[in-house]
Amino acid sequence: MLTGKYGIMLRVKDLERSSSWYCTHLGFTLGPHDFNDFAELHVNGRNVLHLLKSDEASPMAKPNFGLYVNDAEDLHKTLKANGIKVTDMLRRSDHAEFLLIDLDGNTIGITQWFE
């Protein structure tokens, strides 16, 4: 049975570069890692994203997962100002969302749910 804990796995070419990018631009912290094989990226001390080294990885053209944020508008502006590829912000009655492209060409969804 599921425990409710999870970890997202994403294949990247350069673990050090990708880890630094995710920590810098999305606020992850670096957890256990061996830059030859893997790196764990944490949010509030919990493993959320597990980067795996792969020279043959094909980028995710469409998002296979999304990350939830408290302020999508601010993050969108910040990423855009830092030259990160992002789509236009989409606003709905219950949420706002956009997509970003990481260093390896992976598309990741970013969502803010309104209360």
C-alpha atoms as a PDB file:
ATOM      1  CA  MET A   1       0.000   0.000   0.000  1.00  0.00           C
ATOM      2  CA  LEU A   2       1.092   3.571  -0.579  1.00  0.00           C
ATOM      3  CA  THR A   3       2.578   5.492   2.325  1.00  0.00           C
ATOM      4  CA  GLY A   4       1.755   9.001   1.138  1.00  0.00           C
ATOM      5  CA  LYS A   5       5.455   9.784   0.770  1.00  0.00           C
ATOM      6  CA  TYR A   6       6.791  10.327  -2.705  1.00  0.00           C
ATOM      7  CA  GLY A   7       9.793  11.300  -4.771  1.00  0.00           C
ATOM      8  CA  ILE A   8       9.782  12.521  -8.340  1.00  0.00           C
ATOM      9  CA  MET A   9      12.541  11.130 -10.552  1.00  0.00           C
ATOM     10  CA  LEU A  10      13.960  13.225 -13.360  1.00  0.00           C
ATOM     11  CA  ARG A  11      16.799  12.309 -15.691  1.00  0.00           C
ATOM     12  CA  VAL A  12      19.416  14.972 -16.428  1.00  0.00           C
ATOM     13  CA  LYS A  13      22.821  15.076 -18.096  1.00  0.00           C
ATOM     14  CA  ASP A  14      24.828  17.112 -15.559  1.00  0.00           C
ATOM     15  CA  LEU A  15      23.854  16.522 -11.930  1.00  0.00           C
ATOM     16  CA  GLU A  16      25.905  19.358 -10.421  1.00  0.00           C
ATOM     17  CA  ARG A  17      24.638  21.915 -12.921  1.00  0.00           C
ATOM     18  CA  SER A  18      21.010  20.766 -12.698  1.00  0.00           C
ATOM     19  CA  SER A  19      21.068  20.561  -8.892  1.00  0.00           C
ATOM     20  CA  SER A  20      22.400  24.090  -8.681  1.00  0.00           C
ATOM     21  CA  TRP A  21      19.775  25.320 -11.170  1.00  0.00           C
ATOM     22  CA  TYR A  22      16.862  23.779  -9.235  1.00  0.00           C
ATOM     23  CA  CYS A  23      18.186  25.081  -5.909  1.00  0.00           C
ATOM     24  CA  THR A  24      18.822  28.578  -7.245  1.00  0.00           C
ATOM     25  CA  HIS A  25      15.640  29.074  -9.262  1.00  0.00           C
ATOM     26  CA  LEU A  26      13.043  26.983  -7.419  1.00  0.00           C
ATOM     27  CA  GLY A  27      14.314  27.005  -3.836  1.00  0.00           C
ATOM     28  CA  PHE A  28      15.204  23.335  -3.397  1.00  0.00           C
ATOM     29  CA  THR A  29      18.019  22.375  -1.019  1.00  0.00           C
ATOM     30  CA  LEU A  30      20.579  19.733  -1.896  1.00  0.00           C
ATOM     31  CA  GLY A  31      20.187  16.509   0.052  1.00  0.00           C
ATOM     32  CA  PRO A  32      22.203  13.300  -0.220  1.00  0.00           C
ATOM     33  CA  HIS A  33      24.013  13.114  -3.524  1.00  0.00           C
ATOM     34  CA  ASP A  34      26.706  11.410  -5.535  1.00  0.00           C
ATOM     35  CA  PHE A  35      27.182  13.553  -8.601  1.00  0.00           C
ATOM     36  CA  ASN A  36      28.204  10.434 -10.541  1.00  0.00           C
ATOM     37  CA  ASP A  37      24.721   8.891 -10.237  1.00  0.00           C
ATOM     38  CA  PHE A  38      22.072  10.916  -8.367  1.00  0.00           C
ATOM     39  CA  ALA A  39      21.153  13.961  -6.331  1.00  0.00           C
ATOM     40  CA  GLU A  40      18.214  14.379  -3.965  1.00  0.00           C
ATOM     41  CA  LEU A  41      16.578  17.779  -3.858  1.00  0.00           C
ATOM     42  CA  HIS A  42      14.575  18.639  -0.763  1.00  0.00           C
ATOM     43  CA  VAL A  43      11.796  21.011   0.239  1.00  0.00           C
ATOM     44  CA  ASN A  44      11.503  21.615   3.999  1.00  0.00           C
ATOM     45  CA  GLY A  45      13.904  18.721   4.643  1.00  0.00           C
ATOM     46  CA  ARG A  46      11.843  16.231   2.647  1.00  0.00           C
ATOM     47  CA  ASN A  47      13.065  14.523  -0.528  1.00  0.00           C
ATOM     48  CA  VAL A  48      10.859  15.739  -3.368  1.00  0.00           C
ATOM     49  CA  LEU A  49      12.956  15.541  -6.528  1.00  0.00           C
ATOM     50  CA  HIS A  50      15.486  12.835  -7.301  1.00  0.00           C
ATOM     51  CA  LEU A  51      17.788  13.731 -10.193  1.00  0.00           C
ATOM     52  CA  LEU A  52      19.321  10.761 -11.979  1.00  0.00           C
ATOM     53  CA  LYS A  53      22.287  11.042 -14.328  1.00  0.00           C
ATOM     54  CA  SER A  54      21.558   9.928 -17.863  1.00  0.00           C
ATOM     55  CA  ASP A  55      23.464  10.779 -21.020  1.00  0.00           C
ATOM     56  CA  GLU A  56      20.659   9.391 -23.188  1.00  0.00           C
ATOM     57  CA  ALA A  57      17.711  11.068 -21.462  1.00  0.00           C
ATOM     58  CA  SER A  58      15.067  12.520 -23.745  1.00  0.00           C
ATOM     59  CA  PRO A  59      13.573  15.738 -22.409  1.00  0.00           C
ATOM     60  CA  MET A  60       9.952  15.721 -21.274  1.00  0.00           C
ATOM     61  CA  ALA A  61       8.229  17.860 -23.905  1.00  0.00           C
ATOM     62  CA  LYS A  62       5.024  17.823 -21.849  1.00  0.00           C
ATOM     63  CA  PRO A  63       4.976  17.978 -18.067  1.00  0.00           C
ATOM     64  CA  ASN A  64       4.711  14.658 -16.250  1.00  0.00           C
ATOM     65  CA  PHE A  65       4.471  16.369 -12.866  1.00  0.00           C
ATOM     66  CA  GLY A  66       3.788  19.760 -11.376  1.00  0.00           C
ATOM     67  CA  LEU A  67       5.160  21.683  -8.449  1.00  0.00           C
ATOM     68  CA  TYR A  68       2.863  23.725  -6.208  1.00  0.00           C
ATOM     69  CA  VAL A  69       3.908  27.206  -5.124  1.00  0.00           C
ATOM     70  CA  ASN A  70       2.515  29.956  -2.890  1.00  0.00           C
ATOM     71  CA  ASP A  71       3.019  32.814  -5.369  1.00  0.00           C
ATOM     72  CA  ALA A  72       3.015  31.775  -9.032  1.00  0.00           C
ATOM     73  CA  GLU A  73       2.964  35.380 -10.260  1.00  0.00           C
ATOM     74  CA  ASP A  74       6.140  36.325  -8.394  1.00  0.00           C
ATOM     75  CA  LEU A  75       7.971  33.136  -9.402  1.00  0.00           C
ATOM     76  CA  HIS A  76       6.912  33.598 -13.042  1.00  0.00           C
ATOM     77  CA  LYS A  77       8.298  37.171 -13.083  1.00  0.00           C
ATOM     78  CA  THR A  78      11.529  36.122 -11.357  1.00  0.00           C
ATOM     79  CA  LEU A  79      12.172  33.176 -13.677  1.00  0.00           C
ATOM     80  CA  LYS A  80      11.427  35.279 -16.742  1.00  0.00           C
ATOM     81  CA  ALA A  81      13.764  38.047 -15.520  1.00  0.00           C
ATOM     82  CA  ASN A  82      16.500  35.420 -15.075  1.00  0.00           C
ATOM     83  CA  GLY A  83      16.147  34.196 -18.661  1.00  0.00           C
ATOM     84  CA  ILE A  84      14.339  30.955 -17.825  1.00  0.00           C
ATOM     85  CA  LYS A  85      11.962  29.787 -20.545  1.00  0.00           C
ATOM     86  CA  VAL A  86       8.399  30.025 -19.225  1.00  0.00           C
ATOM     87  CA  THR A  87       4.985  30.006 -20.859  1.00  0.00           C
ATOM     88  CA  ASP A  88       2.438  32.735 -20.312  1.00  0.00           C
ATOM     89  CA  MET A  89       0.595  32.613 -16.983  1.00  0.00           C
ATOM     90  CA  LEU A  90      -2.785  30.914 -17.206  1.00  0.00           C
ATOM     91  CA  ARG A  91      -5.327  32.047 -14.616  1.00  0.00           C
ATOM     92  CA  ARG A  92      -8.425  30.091 -13.687  1.00  0.00           C
ATOM     93  CA  SER A  93     -10.987  30.661 -10.953  1.00  0.00           C
ATOM     94  CA  ASP A  94      -9.256  28.227  -8.566  1.00  0.00           C
ATOM     95  CA  HIS A  95      -5.599  28.345  -9.656  1.00  0.00           C
ATOM     96  CA  ALA A  96      -2.847  29.994 -11.700  1.00  0.00           C
ATOM     97  CA  GLU A  97      -0.297  27.995 -13.656  1.00  0.00           C
ATOM     98  CA  PHE A  98       2.556  28.144 -16.110  1.00  0.00           C
ATOM     99  CA  LEU A  99       5.190  25.831 -17.544  1.00  0.00           C
ATOM    100  CA  LEU A 100       8.952  26.193 -17.336  1.00  0.00           C
ATOM    101  CA  ILE A 101      11.760  24.528 -19.259  1.00  0.00           C
ATOM    102  CA  ASP A 102      14.805  23.348 -17.292  1.00  0.00           C
ATOM    103  CA  LEU A 103      18.434  23.080 -18.464  1.00  0.00           C
ATOM    104  CA  ASP A 104      17.825  19.679 -20.080  1.00  0.00           C
ATOM    105  CA  GLY A 105      14.675  20.756 -21.918  1.00  0.00           C
ATOM    106  CA  ASN A 106      12.269  19.134 -19.432  1.00  0.00           C
ATOM    107  CA  THR A 107       8.891  20.837 -19.176  1.00  0.00           C
ATOM    108  CA  ILE A 108       7.612  21.244 -15.622  1.00  0.00           C
ATOM    109  CA  GLY A 109       4.256  22.575 -14.465  1.00  0.00           C
ATOM    110  CA  ILE A 110       4.052  25.244 -11.775  1.00  0.00           C
ATOM    111  CA  THR A 111       0.694  25.760 -10.024  1.00  0.00           C
ATOM    112  CA  GLN A 112      -0.690  28.013  -7.318  1.00  0.00           C
ATOM    113  CA  TRP A 113      -4.036  26.902  -5.873  1.00  0.00           C
ATOM    114  CA  PHE A 114      -6.284  29.649  -4.530  1.00  0.00           C
ATOM    115  CA  GLU A 115      -8.154  29.069  -1.286  1.00  0.00           C
END
